[in-house]
C-alpha atoms as a PDB file:
ATOM      1  CA  UNK A   1      84.684  79.308 111.171  1.00  0.00           C
ATOM      2  CA  UNK A   2      87.426  79.533 108.527  1.00  0.00           C
ATOM      3  CA  UNK A   3      88.944  82.976 108.123  1.00  0.00           C
ATOM      4  CA  UNK A   4      87.753  84.805 104.991  1.00  0.00           C
ATOM      5  CA  UNK A   5      90.434  86.310 102.788  1.00  0.00           C
ATOM      6  CA  UNK A   6      90.332  90.105 102.937  1.00  0.00           C
ATOM      7  CA  UNK A   7      90.233  91.838  99.570  1.00  0.00           C
ATOM      8  CA  UNK A   8      92.238  94.912  98.582  1.00  0.00           C
ATOM      9  CA  UNK A   9      90.092  98.067  98.739  1.00  0.00           C
ATOM     10  CA  UNK A  10      92.616 100.223  96.881  1.00  0.00           C
ATOM     11  CA  UNK A  11      93.656 102.290  99.906  1.00  0.00           C
ATOM     12  CA  UNK A  12      96.851 102.142 101.953  1.00  0.00           C
ATOM     13  CA  UNK A  13      95.198 100.840 105.146  1.00  0.00           C
ATOM     14  CA  UNK A  14      95.981  97.633 107.057  1.00  0.00           C
ATOM     15  CA  UNK A  15      93.506  94.779 106.603  1.00  0.00           C
ATOM     16  CA  UNK A  16      91.631  93.745 109.768  1.00  0.00           C
ATOM     17  CA  UNK A  17      92.963  90.756 111.717  1.00  0.00           C
ATOM     18  CA  UNK A  18      89.424  89.474 112.396  1.00  0.00           C
ATOM     19  CA  UNK A  19      87.070  88.139 109.743  1.00  0.00           C
ATOM     20  CA  UNK A  20      83.350  88.941 109.389  1.00  0.00           C
ATOM     21  CA  UNK A  21      80.308  87.928 107.338  1.00  0.00           C
ATOM     22  CA  UNK A  22      79.011  91.472 106.840  1.00  0.00           C
ATOM     23  CA  UNK A  23      77.851  92.152 103.260  1.00  0.00           C
ATOM     24  CA  UNK A  24      78.625  95.870 103.712  1.00  0.00           C
ATOM     25  CA  UNK A  25      82.212  95.328 104.850  1.00  0.00           C
ATOM     26  CA  UNK A  26      84.683  96.763 102.302  1.00  0.00           C
ATOM     27  CA  UNK A  27      87.227  94.028 103.174  1.00  0.00           C
ATOM     28  CA  UNK A  28      85.093  90.853 103.514  1.00  0.00           C
ATOM     29  CA  UNK A  29      81.873  91.859 101.730  1.00  0.00           C
ATOM     30  CA  UNK A  30      81.218  93.384  98.339  1.00  0.00           C
ATOM     31  CA  UNK A  31      80.940  97.115  99.123  1.00  0.00           C
ATOM     32  CA  UNK A  32      83.095  99.318  96.867  1.00  0.00           C
ATOM     33  CA  UNK A  33      84.555 102.503  98.374  1.00  0.00           C
ATOM     34  CA  UNK A  34      85.269 105.727  96.496  1.00  0.00           C
ATOM     35  CA  UNK A  35      85.668 109.463  96.909  1.00  0.00           C
ATOM     36  CA  UNK A  36      86.639 111.225 100.113  1.00  0.00           C
ATOM     37  CA  UNK A  37      88.584 109.808 103.039  1.00  0.00           C
ATOM     38  CA  UNK A  38      87.933 111.595 106.342  1.00  0.00           C
ATOM     39  CA  UNK A  39      89.430 111.232 109.807  1.00  0.00           C
ATOM     40  CA  UNK A  40      87.523 111.800 113.031  1.00  0.00           C
ATOM     41  CA  UNK A  41      86.577 110.571 116.488  1.00  0.00           C
ATOM     42  CA  UNK A  42      83.675 108.223 117.231  1.00  0.00           C
ATOM     43  CA  UNK A  43      81.021 110.160 119.125  1.00  0.00           C
ATOM     44  CA  UNK A  44      78.465 107.344 119.401  1.00  0.00           C
ATOM     45  CA  UNK A  45      78.348 103.624 118.678  1.00  0.00           C
ATOM     46  CA  UNK A  46      74.910 102.792 120.097  1.00  0.00           C
ATOM     47  CA  UNK A  47      73.337 101.764 116.786  1.00  0.00           C
ATOM     48  CA  UNK A  48      73.853  98.274 115.416  1.00  0.00           C
ATOM     49  CA  UNK A  49      76.857  98.295 112.998  1.00  0.00           C
ATOM     50  CA  UNK A  50      76.631 102.105 112.728  1.00  0.00           C
ATOM     51  CA  UNK A  51      78.740 104.864 114.269  1.00  0.00           C
ATOM     52  CA  UNK A  52      78.547 108.653 114.460  1.00  0.00           C
ATOM     53  CA  UNK A  53      81.905 110.255 113.668  1.00  0.00           C
ATOM     54  CA  UNK A  54      82.644 113.851 114.685  1.00  0.00           C
ATOM     55  CA  UNK A  55      85.205 115.812 112.685  1.00  0.00           C
ATOM     56  CA  UNK A  56      86.672 119.197 113.674  1.00  0.00           C
ATOM     57  CA  UNK A  57      88.004 121.637 111.102  1.00  0.00           C
ATOM     58  CA  UNK A  58      88.876 125.328 110.934  1.00  0.00           C
ATOM     59  CA  UNK A  59      87.302 127.865 108.599  1.00  0.00           C
ATOM     60  CA  UNK A  60      88.647 131.283 107.596  1.00  0.00           C
ATOM     61  CA  UNK A  61      86.427 134.339 108.161  1.00  0.00           C
ATOM     62  CA  UNK A  62      87.814 136.700 105.481  1.00  0.00           C
ATOM     63  CA  UNK A  63      86.223 139.881 106.847  1.00  0.00           C
ATOM     64  CA  UNK A  64      87.927 139.547 110.235  1.00  0.00           C
ATOM     65  CA  UNK A  65      91.018 137.650 108.986  1.00  0.00           C
ATOM     66  CA  UNK A  66      90.498 135.068 111.705  1.00  0.00           C
ATOM     67  CA  UNK A  67      89.689 131.378 111.902  1.00  0.00           C
ATOM     68  CA  UNK A  68      86.798 129.642 113.610  1.00  0.00           C
ATOM     69  CA  UNK A  69      86.562 126.031 114.717  1.00  0.00           C
ATOM     70  CA  UNK A  70      83.640 124.025 113.327  1.00  0.00           C
ATOM     71  CA  UNK A  71      82.453 120.458 113.807  1.00  0.00           C
ATOM     72  CA  UNK A  72      80.503 118.130 111.566  1.00  0.00           C
ATOM     73  CA  UNK A  73      78.949 114.738 112.257  1.00  0.00           C
ATOM     74  CA  UNK A  74      78.982 111.864 109.775  1.00  0.00           C
ATOM     75  CA  UNK A  75      76.972 108.659 110.132  1.00  0.00           C
ATOM     76  CA  UNK A  76      79.032 105.682 108.958  1.00  0.00           C
ATOM     77  CA  UNK A  77      78.698 101.902 108.755  1.00  0.00           C
ATOM     78  CA  UNK A  78      80.989 100.061 111.164  1.00  0.00           C
ATOM     79  CA  UNK A  79      82.038  96.545 110.041  1.00  0.00           C
ATOM     80  CA  UNK A  80      82.195  94.083 112.978  1.00  0.00           C
ATOM     81  CA  UNK A  81      85.763  93.036 112.060  1.00  0.00           C
ATOM     82  CA  UNK A  82      87.143  96.477 113.036  1.00  0.00           C
ATOM     83  CA  UNK A  83      85.640  96.411 116.580  1.00  0.00           C
ATOM     84  CA  UNK A  84      85.153 100.183 116.782  1.00  0.00           C
ATOM     85  CA  UNK A  85      83.900 101.728 120.032  1.00  0.00           C
ATOM     86  CA  UNK A  86      83.104 105.204 121.364  1.00  0.00           C
ATOM     87  CA  UNK A  87      86.179 107.448 121.638  1.00  0.00           C
ATOM     88  CA  UNK A  88      88.220 105.644 118.968  1.00  0.00           C
ATOM     89  CA  UNK A  89      89.928 107.602 116.217  1.00  0.00           C
ATOM     90  CA  UNK A  90      88.826 106.281 112.810  1.00  0.00           C
ATOM     91  CA  UNK A  91      89.154 106.864 109.083  1.00  0.00           C
ATOM     92  CA  UNK A  92      85.938 106.723 107.064  1.00  0.00           C
ATOM     93  CA  UNK A  93      85.479 106.614 103.324  1.00  0.00           C
ATOM     94  CA  UNK A  94      82.630 107.435 100.991  1.00  0.00           C
ATOM     95  CA  UNK A  95      80.517 104.597  99.569  1.00  0.00           C
ATOM     96  CA  UNK A  96      77.122 104.163  97.942  1.00  0.00           C
ATOM     97  CA  UNK A  97      74.107 105.037 100.156  1.00  0.00           C
ATOM     98  CA  UNK A  98      73.425 102.185 102.591  1.00  0.00           C
ATOM     99  CA  UNK A  99      70.400 103.894 104.175  1.00  0.00           C
ATOM    100  CA  UNK A 100      68.818 107.334 104.378  1.00  0.00           C
ATOM    101  CA  UNK A 101      71.737 108.830 106.331  1.00  0.00           C
ATOM    102  CA  UNK A 102      74.599 106.328 105.963  1.00  0.00           C
ATOM    103  CA  UNK A 103      76.867 107.097 102.983  1.00  0.00           C
ATOM    104  CA  UNK A 104      80.256 106.401 104.619  1.00  0.00           C
ATOM    105  CA  UNK A 105      81.961 103.241 105.871  1.00  0.00           C
ATOM    106  CA  UNK A 106      84.758 102.892 108.420  1.00  0.00           C
ATOM    107  CA  UNK A 107      87.963 101.551 106.857  1.00  0.00           C
ATOM    108  CA  UNK A 108      90.529 101.929 109.632  1.00  0.00           C
ATOM    109  CA  UNK A 109      90.776 102.138 113.411  1.00  0.00           C
ATOM    110  CA  UNK A 110      93.610 104.638 113.945  1.00  0.00           C
ATOM    111  CA  UNK A 111      96.086 104.649 116.824  1.00  0.00           C
ATOM    112  CA  UNK A 112      96.340 108.417 117.399  1.00  0.00           C
END
């Protein structure tokens, strides 16, 4: 299979070394990305081409002048060219709705 040329998605992320035929891949398909970029850890990768990303953040409680730790889960599309598995640190970006719950797509497998 000849390697498909990866297109520029407008973000400062490295293009994947592998190629894929996924229509919903921002690099090799025709899915535009926009909006927020979030970083998190992959909690689950059991669904086909879909991952659950967990993100931790802190929130100020003004009354007590203290912070609390909160978590949020995001369901994101995982292109096969990125080879993302459970426990990986990833960057996800907003895209058009791909299904009822999937409105993000993974754009980078991070090394931290």
